[in-house]
Amino acid sequence: MNVQHRQLASGARAPAARTRLPIIDCDIHPMLKSPRDLRKYITPAWQDHFDAYGLRMNVPFVDSSPYPKATPALSRLDAWPPSGGPPGSDLEFMQQQLLDPMNVQYGILHILAVSGMAQRNVQFGSAVCAALNNWQYEEWTQRDKRLKGSINVQGEEPDAAVAEIERWAGSTDFVQVAMSGRAIEPLGRKRYWPVFEAAVRHNLPIGIHLSGENGHAASGAGWPSFYAEHHHVSSMAHRALVTSLVLEGVFEAFPALKFVLVEGGFGWVPGWTWRMDKQWARMRDEVPHLKRPPSEYIKQNLWFTSQPVEEPENPEDLRQVIDWIGWDRLLIATDYPHWDFDDPELAFRIRMTDAEKRKIFHDNAKNLYGLT
């Protein structure tokens, strides 16, 4: 726990506007005080279903995710609001602990506690997504204009997902579409393309947080034994996602489509891309719909959040990684209120020019999301 965490845990207030440069935090997690609080935002047609069956994820367990990170609430020890409720559930406390002291100009919300796309009942999942969007709007983005929501959609039901995008498109409260990175099928498959088309039509990026459940093990080798193992292999989902999107031809079909990969790291991108380019050169006859090497689509259509930042023994090795990915492709993210929170002042161990810092901490997100 760093000094800032200890100060807050002991009750001391963080100094105002510690971070001189205004930042756009691209990964903040709001939390329901209780799953029951979602009921009033669910359409009447689905409230009886919610009362009778509750939220049931597509996992082998009834009331929990398949690994222990959810206890206690994924979060920093100092993030529990004095008012009660779980971390991330109190807007005023979030303002005091994150938005004000970190000089957050805008914060992009990602909901993890409840997933509509992970519901066993697909149609009910669409209702849950709509309810989560209503909740974001009423409880967060309308109460603090610095906060911007993500339009949660049930990608397994594309027609409903498109309708939900249409419902919020044009609202300044929402700046991207949110889908699970662990869908029932690889996300590059054409069954998901109507969602991509709607996102492009409304100039909305698609944010894929490293989360979601599809009923399968996170590891391609089976269920992990330990949390440390699960935490490591979970980022493999983003590698598989990138491979599917590129090789299935999503970015050839939708050249203006923007994908934001959240909380999956980025140090893996160059090596993974080099391998894709090499294999494409040898097997391109199988994917004639790709007109360019995979690396060109990756550099054109993908953005990555900083958290978790890779920390090589030689910090300057990180500069080489960013040089390859592009300084215009990284977005700062704190992951508040989770235990692996990144303080913006401490996240990068390399020296950056003012222009480089401004890109990552502010301008890249401003341009990507069309913020003013």
Protein backbone atom coordinates (compact mmCIF):
# COMPACT_ATOMS: atom_id res chain seq x y z
CA MET A 1 0.00 0.00 0.00
CA ASN A 2 1.54 3.34 -0.99
CA VAL A 3 1.61 6.50 1.12
CA GLN A 4 -1.57 7.83 -0.43
CA HIS A 5 -3.44 4.66 0.52
CA ARG A 6 -2.17 4.84 4.10
CA GLN A 7 -3.21 8.49 4.41
CA LEU A 8 -6.72 7.79 3.25
CA ALA A 9 -7.02 4.64 5.32
CA SER A 10 -6.09 6.61 8.44
CA GLY A 11 -8.77 9.19 7.73
CA ALA A 12 -6.57 11.98 6.38
CA ARG A 13 -7.95 13.81 3.37
CA ALA A 14 -5.90 13.73 0.18
CA PRO A 15 -4.53 17.15 -0.88
CA ALA A 16 -6.65 18.88 -3.48
CA ALA A 17 -5.63 18.52 -7.12
CA ARG A 18 -2.36 16.64 -6.46
CA THR A 19 -1.98 15.83 -10.13
CA ARG A 20 -1.21 19.08 -11.93
CA LEU A 21 -2.26 17.78 -15.35
CA PRO A 22 -6.01 17.15 -15.68
CA ILE A 23 -6.56 13.47 -16.42
CA ILE A 24 -9.21 11.42 -18.15
CA ASP A 25 -9.47 8.22 -16.12
CA CYS A 26 -10.61 5.46 -18.46
CA ASP A 27 -11.48 2.79 -15.90
CA ILE A 28 -13.64 3.63 -12.87
CA HIS A 29 -15.91 1.01 -11.33
CA PRO A 30 -19.22 2.17 -9.84
CA MET A 31 -20.92 -0.33 -7.56
CA LEU A 32 -24.49 -1.04 -6.58
CA LYS A 33 -25.01 -0.84 -2.83
CA SER A 34 -26.97 -4.08 -3.24
CA PRO A 35 -27.98 -6.13 -6.30
CA ARG A 36 -31.58 -5.57 -5.16
CA ASP A 37 -31.15 -1.87 -5.93
CA LEU A 38 -31.20 -2.75 -9.62
CA ARG A 39 -34.85 -3.86 -9.45
CA LYS A 40 -36.39 -0.41 -9.80
CA TYR A 41 -34.45 0.15 -13.02
CA ILE A 42 -35.62 -3.12 -14.61
CA THR A 43 -38.68 -2.95 -16.85
CA PRO A 44 -41.87 -4.26 -15.20
CA ALA A 45 -41.99 -7.19 -17.64
CA TRP A 46 -38.80 -8.59 -16.07
CA GLN A 47 -39.22 -7.59 -12.42
CA ASP A 48 -41.07 -10.80 -11.51
CA HIS A 49 -38.29 -12.82 -13.13
CA PHE A 50 -35.74 -10.85 -11.12
CA ASP A 51 -37.70 -11.49 -7.91
CA ALA A 52 -38.03 -15.21 -8.56
CA TYR A 53 -34.61 -16.07 -9.96
CA GLY A 54 -32.31 -13.15 -9.28
CA LEU A 55 -29.06 -12.65 -11.17
CA ARG A 56 -27.56 -15.91 -12.43
CA MET A 57 -24.25 -15.77 -14.25
CA ASN A 58 -23.15 -18.29 -16.79
CA VAL A 59 -20.63 -19.91 -14.41
CA PRO A 60 -20.53 -23.19 -12.43
CA PHE A 61 -21.40 -21.36 -9.20
CA VAL A 62 -24.67 -19.84 -8.10
CA ASP A 63 -23.77 -16.65 -6.28
CA SER A 64 -20.13 -15.92 -7.01
CA SER A 65 -17.53 -15.61 -9.70
CA PRO A 66 -15.29 -18.65 -10.23
CA TYR A 67 -12.30 -17.18 -8.37
CA PRO A 68 -11.81 -15.46 -5.01
CA LYS A 69 -10.97 -11.95 -6.19
CA ALA A 70 -14.53 -10.92 -5.44
CA THR A 71 -13.73 -11.20 -1.72
CA PRO A 72 -13.43 -8.67 -0.24
CA ALA A 73 -15.06 -6.68 -3.04
CA LEU A 74 -11.90 -6.65 -5.21
CA SER A 75 -10.96 -3.43 -3.48
CA ARG A 76 -8.46 -1.30 -1.60
CA LEU A 77 -8.74 -1.46 2.18
CA ASP A 78 -9.32 2.30 2.34
CA ALA A 79 -12.06 2.35 -0.29
CA TRP A 80 -14.98 1.38 1.94
CA PRO A 81 -17.30 4.42 2.23
CA PRO A 82 -17.96 5.79 5.72
CA SER A 83 -21.64 5.84 4.79
CA GLY A 84 -21.71 2.07 4.40
CA GLY A 85 -22.02 -0.07 1.30
CA PRO A 86 -19.24 -1.61 -0.80
CA PRO A 87 -16.35 0.29 -2.39
CA GLY A 88 -17.42 2.34 -5.41
CA SER A 89 -21.03 2.68 -4.23
CA ASP A 90 -20.83 6.21 -2.77
CA LEU A 91 -20.42 9.06 -5.26
CA GLU A 92 -19.46 11.64 -2.64
CA PHE A 93 -16.71 9.40 -1.29
CA MET A 94 -15.49 8.72 -4.84
CA GLN A 95 -15.32 12.46 -5.38
CA GLN A 96 -13.27 12.93 -2.20
CA GLN A 97 -10.98 9.96 -2.78
CA LEU A 98 -10.47 9.99 -6.55
CA LEU A 99 -12.09 12.66 -8.71
CA ASP A 100 -11.02 15.76 -6.77
CA PRO A 101 -7.51 14.88 -5.51
CA MET A 102 -6.48 13.21 -8.78
CA ASN A 103 -7.75 16.16 -10.83
CA VAL A 104 -9.99 13.93 -12.94
CA GLN A 105 -11.57 16.00 -15.68
CA TYR A 106 -13.57 13.01 -16.94
CA GLY A 107 -13.96 9.46 -15.70
CA ILE A 108 -15.18 6.57 -17.84
CA LEU A 109 -17.38 4.10 -15.97
CA HIS A 110 -17.10 0.33 -16.36
CA ILE A 111 -19.62 -1.81 -14.44
CA LEU A 112 -18.23 -5.15 -13.27
CA ALA A 113 -20.34 -6.15 -10.28
CA VAL A 114 -23.28 -7.16 -12.47
CA SER A 115 -22.94 -8.34 -16.06
CA GLY A 116 -25.94 -8.46 -18.36
CA MET A 117 -23.98 -10.28 -21.06
CA ALA A 118 -23.01 -13.03 -18.59
CA GLN A 119 -26.59 -13.90 -17.60
CA ARG A 120 -27.71 -17.46 -18.28
CA ASN A 121 -31.05 -16.19 -19.57
CA VAL A 122 -30.01 -14.21 -22.64
CA GLN A 123 -33.23 -12.17 -22.90
CA PHE A 124 -33.09 -11.29 -19.21
CA GLY A 125 -29.48 -10.26 -19.78
CA SER A 126 -30.70 -7.61 -22.22
CA ALA A 127 -33.06 -6.29 -19.54
CA VAL A 128 -30.20 -6.21 -17.04
CA CYS A 129 -28.03 -4.23 -19.48
CA ALA A 130 -30.81 -1.67 -19.96
CA ALA A 131 -31.28 -1.40 -16.20
CA LEU A 132 -27.56 -0.87 -15.62
CA ASN A 133 -27.58 1.93 -18.16
CA ASN A 134 -30.56 3.58 -16.46
CA TRP A 135 -28.75 3.26 -13.12
CA GLN A 136 -25.55 4.81 -14.49
CA TYR A 137 -27.52 7.72 -15.90
CA GLU A 138 -29.60 8.50 -12.81
CA GLU A 139 -27.12 7.71 -10.05
CA TRP A 140 -23.79 8.72 -11.59
CA THR A 141 -23.53 10.66 -14.85
CA GLN A 142 -26.41 13.01 -14.06
CA ARG A 143 -25.08 13.68 -10.56
CA ASP A 144 -21.49 14.41 -11.59
CA LYS A 145 -20.91 15.59 -15.15
CA ARG A 146 -17.29 14.48 -14.97
CA LEU A 147 -18.47 10.88 -15.14
CA LYS A 148 -19.27 9.29 -18.49
CA GLY A 149 -21.09 5.99 -18.84
CA SER A 150 -20.55 2.95 -21.03
CA ILE A 151 -23.62 1.58 -22.83
CA ASN A 152 -23.86 -1.99 -21.57
CA VAL A 153 -25.24 -4.33 -24.24
CA GLN A 154 -26.13 -7.99 -24.42
CA GLY A 155 -23.96 -9.01 -27.34
CA GLU A 156 -25.48 -12.48 -27.44
CA GLU A 157 -28.75 -10.86 -28.52
CA PRO A 158 -27.56 -8.44 -31.24
CA ASP A 159 -30.98 -6.97 -32.08
CA ALA A 160 -31.52 -5.96 -28.47
CA ALA A 161 -27.94 -4.69 -28.24
CA VAL A 162 -28.43 -2.45 -31.27
CA ALA A 163 -31.70 -1.14 -29.83
CA GLU A 164 -29.91 -0.27 -26.57
CA ILE A 165 -27.20 1.58 -28.48
CA GLU A 166 -29.87 3.49 -30.39
CA ARG A 167 -31.58 4.39 -27.10
CA TRP A 168 -28.53 6.19 -25.74
CA ALA A 169 -26.68 7.28 -28.88
CA GLY A 170 -26.35 11.05 -28.94
CA SER A 171 -26.48 11.38 -25.17
CA THR A 172 -23.43 13.14 -23.77
CA ASP A 173 -23.71 10.92 -20.68
CA PHE A 174 -22.42 7.87 -22.61
CA VAL A 175 -19.21 7.76 -24.65
CA GLN A 176 -18.74 4.10 -25.58
CA VAL A 177 -20.38 0.68 -25.88
CA ALA A 178 -19.41 -2.00 -23.35
CA MET A 179 -19.35 -5.70 -24.20
CA SER A 180 -17.88 -8.71 -22.43
CA GLY A 181 -14.54 -9.90 -23.75
CA ARG A 182 -15.52 -13.45 -22.93
CA ALA A 183 -18.51 -14.02 -25.17
CA ILE A 184 -20.03 -17.39 -26.00
CA GLU A 185 -18.14 -17.32 -29.30
CA PRO A 186 -15.02 -15.38 -30.32
CA LEU A 187 -16.10 -11.77 -30.73
CA GLY A 188 -14.89 -11.58 -34.31
CA ARG A 189 -17.70 -13.88 -35.47
CA LYS A 190 -20.31 -12.31 -37.72
CA ARG A 191 -23.12 -12.85 -35.22
CA TYR A 192 -21.69 -9.84 -33.33
CA TRP A 193 -21.21 -7.61 -36.36
CA PRO A 194 -24.57 -5.79 -36.05
CA VAL A 195 -23.31 -4.39 -32.74
CA PHE A 196 -20.10 -3.22 -34.40
CA GLU A 197 -22.03 -1.61 -37.25
CA ALA A 198 -24.23 0.32 -34.80
CA ALA A 199 -21.18 1.49 -32.84
CA VAL A 200 -19.50 2.76 -36.02
CA ARG A 201 -22.69 4.44 -37.20
CA HIS A 202 -22.85 6.44 -33.97
CA ASN A 203 -19.08 6.96 -33.72
CA LEU A 204 -18.88 5.09 -30.42
CA PRO A 205 -15.80 3.10 -29.40
CA ILE A 206 -16.34 -0.37 -27.94
CA GLY A 207 -14.77 -0.83 -24.52
CA ILE A 208 -13.79 -4.37 -23.56
CA HIS A 209 -12.86 -4.69 -19.91
CA LEU A 210 -10.97 -7.78 -18.80
CA SER A 211 -14.05 -9.40 -17.31
CA GLY A 212 -17.13 -11.42 -18.13
CA GLU A 213 -18.03 -15.07 -17.96
CA ASN A 214 -19.05 -17.47 -20.71
CA GLY A 215 -19.16 -20.67 -18.67
CA HIS A 216 -15.69 -21.78 -19.75
CA ALA A 217 -12.43 -21.72 -17.82
CA ALA A 218 -10.39 -18.54 -18.12
CA SER A 219 -7.38 -20.63 -19.06
CA GLY A 220 -7.17 -22.55 -22.32
CA ALA A 221 -5.57 -25.33 -20.27
CA GLY A 222 -8.52 -25.61 -17.85
CA TRP A 223 -9.56 -24.18 -14.50
CA PRO A 224 -6.66 -22.53 -12.61
CA SER A 225 -5.78 -23.79 -9.14
CA PHE A 226 -4.84 -20.45 -7.62
CA TYR A 227 -5.94 -16.85 -7.76
CA ALA A 228 -2.41 -15.81 -8.74
CA GLU A 229 -2.68 -18.20 -11.67
CA HIS A 230 -6.12 -16.93 -12.68
CA HIS A 231 -5.06 -13.30 -12.41
CA HIS A 232 -2.21 -13.95 -14.83
CA VAL A 233 -4.04 -16.03 -17.44
CA SER A 234 -7.08 -13.73 -17.50
CA SER A 235 -5.17 -11.25 -19.66
CA MET A 236 -4.88 -13.99 -22.29
CA ALA A 237 -8.51 -13.22 -23.11
CA HIS A 238 -7.44 -9.94 -24.72
CA ARG A 239 -4.87 -11.69 -26.87
CA ALA A 240 -7.49 -14.12 -28.11
CA LEU A 241 -9.92 -11.24 -28.64
CA VAL A 242 -7.45 -9.30 -30.78
CA THR A 243 -6.68 -12.39 -32.83
CA SER A 244 -10.36 -13.05 -33.48
CA LEU A 245 -11.22 -9.46 -34.39
CA VAL A 246 -8.32 -9.16 -36.81
CA LEU A 247 -8.40 -12.55 -38.50
CA GLU A 248 -12.18 -12.73 -38.80
CA GLY A 249 -11.97 -9.47 -40.78
CA VAL A 250 -13.85 -7.16 -38.41
CA PHE A 251 -11.55 -4.20 -39.02
CA GLU A 252 -11.49 -4.79 -42.77
CA ALA A 253 -15.31 -4.67 -42.76
CA PHE A 254 -15.45 -1.74 -40.31
CA PRO A 255 -12.29 0.33 -40.80
CA ALA A 256 -13.61 3.11 -38.55
CA LEU A 257 -14.38 0.76 -35.63
CA LYS A 258 -12.53 1.64 -32.42
CA PHE A 259 -11.82 -0.95 -29.71
CA VAL A 260 -10.52 -0.06 -26.25
CA LEU A 261 -8.95 -2.95 -24.31
CA VAL A 262 -9.18 -2.23 -20.59
CA GLU A 263 -7.08 -3.76 -17.79
CA GLY A 264 -5.36 -6.38 -19.90
CA GLY A 265 -1.92 -4.79 -19.98
CA PHE A 266 -0.14 -3.84 -23.17
CA GLY A 267 3.40 -5.18 -22.94
CA TRP A 268 2.29 -8.28 -24.84
CA VAL A 269 1.14 -6.34 -27.91
CA PRO A 270 4.37 -6.11 -29.94
CA GLY A 271 5.35 -9.78 -29.60
CA TRP A 272 1.81 -11.01 -30.21
CA THR A 273 1.53 -8.79 -33.27
CA TRP A 274 4.86 -9.92 -34.72
CA ARG A 275 3.68 -13.52 -34.47
CA MET A 276 0.38 -12.68 -36.15
CA ASP A 277 2.17 -10.91 -39.01
CA LYS A 278 4.52 -13.84 -39.56
CA GLN A 279 1.74 -16.40 -39.59
CA TRP A 280 -0.44 -14.22 -41.82
CA ALA A 281 2.43 -13.98 -44.33
CA ARG A 282 2.64 -17.77 -44.49
CA MET A 283 -1.08 -18.58 -44.36
CA ARG A 284 -2.74 -15.52 -45.89
CA ASP A 285 -4.47 -17.67 -48.51
CA GLU A 286 -6.80 -18.89 -45.73
CA VAL A 287 -7.89 -15.34 -44.88
CA PRO A 288 -8.10 -13.56 -48.25
CA HIS A 289 -10.47 -11.00 -46.72
CA LEU A 290 -7.46 -9.44 -44.94
CA LYS A 291 -5.92 -6.90 -47.29
CA ARG A 292 -3.12 -5.81 -44.94
CA PRO A 293 -0.86 -7.37 -42.26
CA PRO A 294 -2.52 -7.76 -38.84
CA SER A 295 -0.18 -5.18 -37.32
CA GLU A 296 -1.70 -2.44 -39.46
CA TYR A 297 -5.22 -3.13 -38.18
CA ILE A 298 -3.96 -3.28 -34.60
CA LYS A 299 -2.23 0.10 -34.89
CA GLN A 300 -5.29 1.62 -36.55
CA ASN A 301 -8.23 0.25 -34.58
CA LEU A 302 -7.06 -0.56 -31.04
CA TRP A 303 -6.39 1.46 -27.88
CA PHE A 304 -5.10 0.14 -24.54
CA THR A 305 -5.44 1.39 -20.97
CA SER A 306 -2.38 1.78 -18.80
CA GLN A 307 -3.54 -0.26 -15.83
CA PRO A 308 -1.87 -2.61 -15.12
CA VAL A 309 1.35 -1.00 -16.33
CA GLU A 310 4.16 -3.43 -17.05
CA GLU A 311 7.24 -2.73 -14.90
CA PRO A 312 10.41 -4.17 -16.50
CA GLU A 313 13.67 -4.18 -14.52
CA ASN A 314 14.99 -1.60 -16.96
CA PRO A 315 12.23 1.04 -17.06
CA GLU A 316 13.37 2.27 -20.45
CA ASP A 317 12.36 -1.09 -21.94
CA LEU A 318 8.81 0.13 -21.41
CA ARG A 319 9.53 3.11 -23.63
CA GLN A 320 10.43 0.78 -26.50
CA VAL A 321 7.09 -1.02 -26.07
CA ILE A 322 5.16 2.24 -26.13
CA ASP A 323 7.16 3.48 -29.09
CA TRP A 324 6.04 0.42 -31.04
CA ILE A 325 2.37 0.57 -29.96
CA GLY A 326 2.19 4.33 -30.39
CA TRP A 327 2.02 7.12 -27.81
CA ASP A 328 -1.41 8.00 -29.18
CA ARG A 329 -2.80 4.53 -28.34
CA LEU A 330 -2.48 4.49 -24.54
CA LEU A 331 -5.04 5.81 -22.04
CA ILE A 332 -4.50 6.37 -18.34
CA ALA A 333 -6.62 4.25 -16.01
CA THR A 334 -6.71 3.99 -12.21
CA ASP A 335 -9.03 0.96 -11.82
CA TYR A 336 -10.60 2.67 -8.79
CA PRO A 337 -11.55 1.33 -6.24
CA HIS A 338 -9.83 -2.02 -6.83
CA TRP A 339 -6.85 -3.34 -4.90
CA ASP A 340 -4.52 -2.98 -7.91
CA PHE A 341 -5.37 0.71 -8.25
CA ASP A 342 -2.77 2.80 -10.10
CA ASP A 343 -2.00 6.26 -8.76
CA PRO A 344 -1.49 8.42 -11.89
CA GLU A 345 1.60 10.04 -10.32
CA LEU A 346 3.25 6.66 -9.73
CA ALA A 347 1.99 4.53 -12.60
CA PHE A 348 4.86 5.06 -15.03
CA ARG A 349 8.48 4.59 -13.99
CA ILE A 350 9.89 6.17 -17.14
CA ARG A 351 10.65 9.80 -17.80
CA MET A 352 8.17 11.30 -20.22
CA THR A 353 8.14 14.58 -22.05
CA ASP A 354 5.26 16.93 -21.33
CA ALA A 355 3.81 16.09 -24.75
CA GLU A 356 4.00 12.33 -24.12
CA LYS A 357 2.45 12.67 -20.69
CA ARG A 358 -0.35 14.88 -21.98
CA LYS A 359 -1.22 12.35 -24.67
CA ILE A 360 -1.54 9.42 -22.27
CA PHE A 361 -3.12 11.28 -19.37
CA HIS A 362 -5.56 13.42 -21.34
CA ASP A 363 -5.47 14.06 -25.08
CA ASN A 364 -5.74 10.49 -26.38
CA ALA A 365 -8.95 9.88 -24.47
CA LYS A 366 -10.30 13.32 -25.31
CA ASN A 367 -9.88 12.63 -29.01
CA LEU A 368 -11.06 9.02 -28.86
CA TYR A 369 -14.27 9.80 -26.98
CA GLY A 370 -14.95 13.21 -28.54
CA LEU A 371 -14.81 15.01 -25.19
CA THR A 372 -14.64 18.79 -24.96
